[in-house]
């Protein structure tokens, strides 16, 4: 009895005839599988993201210098001054 089995899986696919709708369904399934795999990888990478650096960047550290000043200033309104008043404050 001769062995008529194809040598590999792709030979089976080549020897089978697919109509148009089957090919479209296979292509859409393949495309969705690839896209889902990429999204799952990105989700896994985001879940293992290190958030320990938040609040330690140069801008946040610079703004923390003014916390005490913000508490001393009025919450609503504008604080203004002139050059003369600054000179007067320095002399006192």
C-alpha atoms as a PDB file:
ATOM      1  CA  UNK A   1       0.000   0.000   0.000  1.00  0.00           C
ATOM      2  CA  UNK A   2       1.688   3.256  -1.093  1.00  0.00           C
ATOM      3  CA  UNK A   3       1.988   6.158   1.298  1.00  0.00           C
ATOM      4  CA  UNK A   4      -0.087   8.992  -0.168  1.00  0.00           C
ATOM      5  CA  UNK A   5       0.115  11.301   2.849  1.00  0.00           C
ATOM      6  CA  UNK A   6       1.660  14.685   2.073  1.00  0.00           C
ATOM      7  CA  UNK A   7       5.047  15.540   3.542  1.00  0.00           C
ATOM      8  CA  UNK A   8       3.894  18.590   5.495  1.00  0.00           C
ATOM      9  CA  UNK A   9       0.869  20.544   6.601  1.00  0.00           C
ATOM     10  CA  UNK A  10       1.343  23.241   3.972  1.00  0.00           C
ATOM     11  CA  UNK A  11       1.191  20.648   1.227  1.00  0.00           C
ATOM     12  CA  UNK A  12      -2.260  19.733   2.526  1.00  0.00           C
ATOM     13  CA  UNK A  13      -3.325  23.362   2.349  1.00  0.00           C
ATOM     14  CA  UNK A  14      -2.004  23.715  -1.182  1.00  0.00           C
ATOM     15  CA  UNK A  15      -3.735  20.560  -2.332  1.00  0.00           C
ATOM     16  CA  UNK A  16      -7.083  21.646  -0.842  1.00  0.00           C
ATOM     17  CA  UNK A  17      -9.223  24.006  -2.843  1.00  0.00           C
ATOM     18  CA  UNK A  18     -10.715  26.925  -0.916  1.00  0.00           C
ATOM     19  CA  UNK A  19     -13.554  28.978  -2.256  1.00  0.00           C
ATOM     20  CA  UNK A  20     -13.491  32.762  -1.913  1.00  0.00           C
ATOM     21  CA  UNK A  21     -15.576  33.003   1.262  1.00  0.00           C
ATOM     22  CA  UNK A  22     -13.447  30.407   3.071  1.00  0.00           C
ATOM     23  CA  UNK A  23     -10.251  32.251   2.156  1.00  0.00           C
ATOM     24  CA  UNK A  24     -11.701  35.526   3.434  1.00  0.00           C
ATOM     25  CA  UNK A  25     -12.753  33.894   6.720  1.00  0.00           C
ATOM     26  CA  UNK A  26      -9.305  32.349   7.163  1.00  0.00           C
ATOM     27  CA  UNK A  27      -7.599  35.684   6.402  1.00  0.00           C
ATOM     28  CA  UNK A  28      -9.819  37.598   8.851  1.00  0.00           C
ATOM     29  CA  UNK A  29      -9.263  34.985  11.556  1.00  0.00           C
ATOM     30  CA  UNK A  30      -5.496  35.147  11.024  1.00  0.00           C
ATOM     31  CA  UNK A  31      -5.510  38.949  11.078  1.00  0.00           C
ATOM     32  CA  UNK A  32      -7.576  39.109  14.280  1.00  0.00           C
ATOM     33  CA  UNK A  33      -5.303  36.536  15.941  1.00  0.00           C
ATOM     34  CA  UNK A  34      -2.176  38.532  15.106  1.00  0.00           C
ATOM     35  CA  UNK A  35      -3.726  41.806  16.293  1.00  0.00           C
ATOM     36  CA  UNK A  36      -4.984  40.249  19.513  1.00  0.00           C
ATOM     37  CA  UNK A  37      -1.556  38.763  20.238  1.00  0.00           C
ATOM     38  CA  UNK A  38       0.059  42.192  19.804  1.00  0.00           C
ATOM     39  CA  UNK A  39      -2.478  43.853  22.082  1.00  0.00           C
ATOM     40  CA  UNK A  40      -2.036  41.206  24.758  1.00  0.00           C
ATOM     41  CA  UNK A  41       1.727  41.742  24.685  1.00  0.00           C
ATOM     42  CA  UNK A  42       1.286  45.495  25.105  1.00  0.00           C
ATOM     43  CA  UNK A  43      -1.157  44.930  27.955  1.00  0.00           C
ATOM     44  CA  UNK A  44       1.348  42.658  29.700  1.00  0.00           C
ATOM     45  CA  UNK A  45       4.114  45.246  29.244  1.00  0.00           C
ATOM     46  CA  UNK A  46       1.886  47.997  30.659  1.00  0.00           C
ATOM     47  CA  UNK A  47       0.974  45.884  33.671  1.00  0.00           C
ATOM     48  CA  UNK A  48       4.641  45.482  34.580  1.00  0.00           C
ATOM     49  CA  UNK A  49       5.425  49.192  34.109  1.00  0.00           C
ATOM     50  CA  UNK A  50       7.457  50.756  36.923  1.00  0.00           C
ATOM     51  CA  UNK A  51       5.664  53.801  38.341  1.00  0.00           C
ATOM     52  CA  UNK A  52       8.235  54.521  41.062  1.00  0.00           C
ATOM     53  CA  UNK A  53       9.740  57.464  39.157  1.00  0.00           C
ATOM     54  CA  UNK A  54       6.515  59.512  39.299  1.00  0.00           C
ATOM     55  CA  UNK A  55       7.050  62.670  41.326  1.00  0.00           C
ATOM     56  CA  UNK A  56      10.833  62.392  41.109  1.00  0.00           C
ATOM     57  CA  UNK A  57      11.315  63.991  37.718  1.00  0.00           C
ATOM     58  CA  UNK A  58      13.086  67.388  37.569  1.00  0.00           C
ATOM     59  CA  UNK A  59       9.893  69.395  36.974  1.00  0.00           C
ATOM     60  CA  UNK A  60       8.056  67.857  39.933  1.00  0.00           C
ATOM     61  CA  UNK A  61      11.054  68.394  42.194  1.00  0.00           C
ATOM     62  CA  UNK A  62      11.283  72.031  41.056  1.00  0.00           C
ATOM     63  CA  UNK A  63       7.579  72.650  41.721  1.00  0.00           C
ATOM     64  CA  UNK A  64       7.784  71.089  45.198  1.00  0.00           C
ATOM     65  CA  UNK A  65      10.084  73.957  46.177  1.00  0.00           C
ATOM     66  CA  UNK A  66       7.107  76.331  46.016  1.00  0.00           C
ATOM     67  CA  UNK A  67       4.636  74.303  48.132  1.00  0.00           C
ATOM     68  CA  UNK A  68       5.205  76.392  51.264  1.00  0.00           C
ATOM     69  CA  UNK A  69       4.844  79.619  49.272  1.00  0.00           C
ATOM     70  CA  UNK A  70       1.581  78.418  47.695  1.00  0.00           C
ATOM     71  CA  UNK A  71       0.155  77.725  51.151  1.00  0.00           C
ATOM     72  CA  UNK A  72       1.101  81.233  52.323  1.00  0.00           C
ATOM     73  CA  UNK A  73      -0.438  83.011  49.321  1.00  0.00           C
ATOM     74  CA  UNK A  74      -4.188  83.612  48.935  1.00  0.00           C
ATOM     75  CA  UNK A  75      -6.053  80.843  47.139  1.00  0.00           C
ATOM     76  CA  UNK A  76      -7.850  83.256  44.775  1.00  0.00           C
ATOM     77  CA  UNK A  77      -6.494  86.531  43.573  1.00  0.00           C
ATOM     78  CA  UNK A  78      -3.392  88.120  42.164  1.00  0.00           C
ATOM     79  CA  UNK A  79      -0.326  89.103  44.115  1.00  0.00           C
ATOM     80  CA  UNK A  80       1.503  91.998  42.564  1.00  0.00           C
ATOM     81  CA  UNK A  81       4.260  94.339  43.496  1.00  0.00           C
ATOM     82  CA  UNK A  82       6.385  97.074  42.106  1.00  0.00           C
ATOM     83  CA  UNK A  83      10.084  97.567  41.979  1.00  0.00           C
ATOM     84  CA  UNK A  84       9.844 100.310  44.611  1.00  0.00           C
ATOM     85  CA  UNK A  85       8.020  98.058  47.053  1.00  0.00           C
ATOM     86  CA  UNK A  86      10.630  95.374  46.541  1.00  0.00           C
ATOM     87  CA  UNK A  87      13.360  97.883  47.354  1.00  0.00           C
ATOM     88  CA  UNK A  88      11.465  98.958  50.431  1.00  0.00           C
ATOM     89  CA  UNK A  89      11.131  95.372  51.566  1.00  0.00           C
ATOM     90  CA  UNK A  90      14.835  94.818  51.152  1.00  0.00           C
ATOM     91  CA  UNK A  91      15.707  97.897  53.214  1.00  0.00           C
ATOM     92  CA  UNK A  92      13.494  96.953  56.158  1.00  0.00           C
END
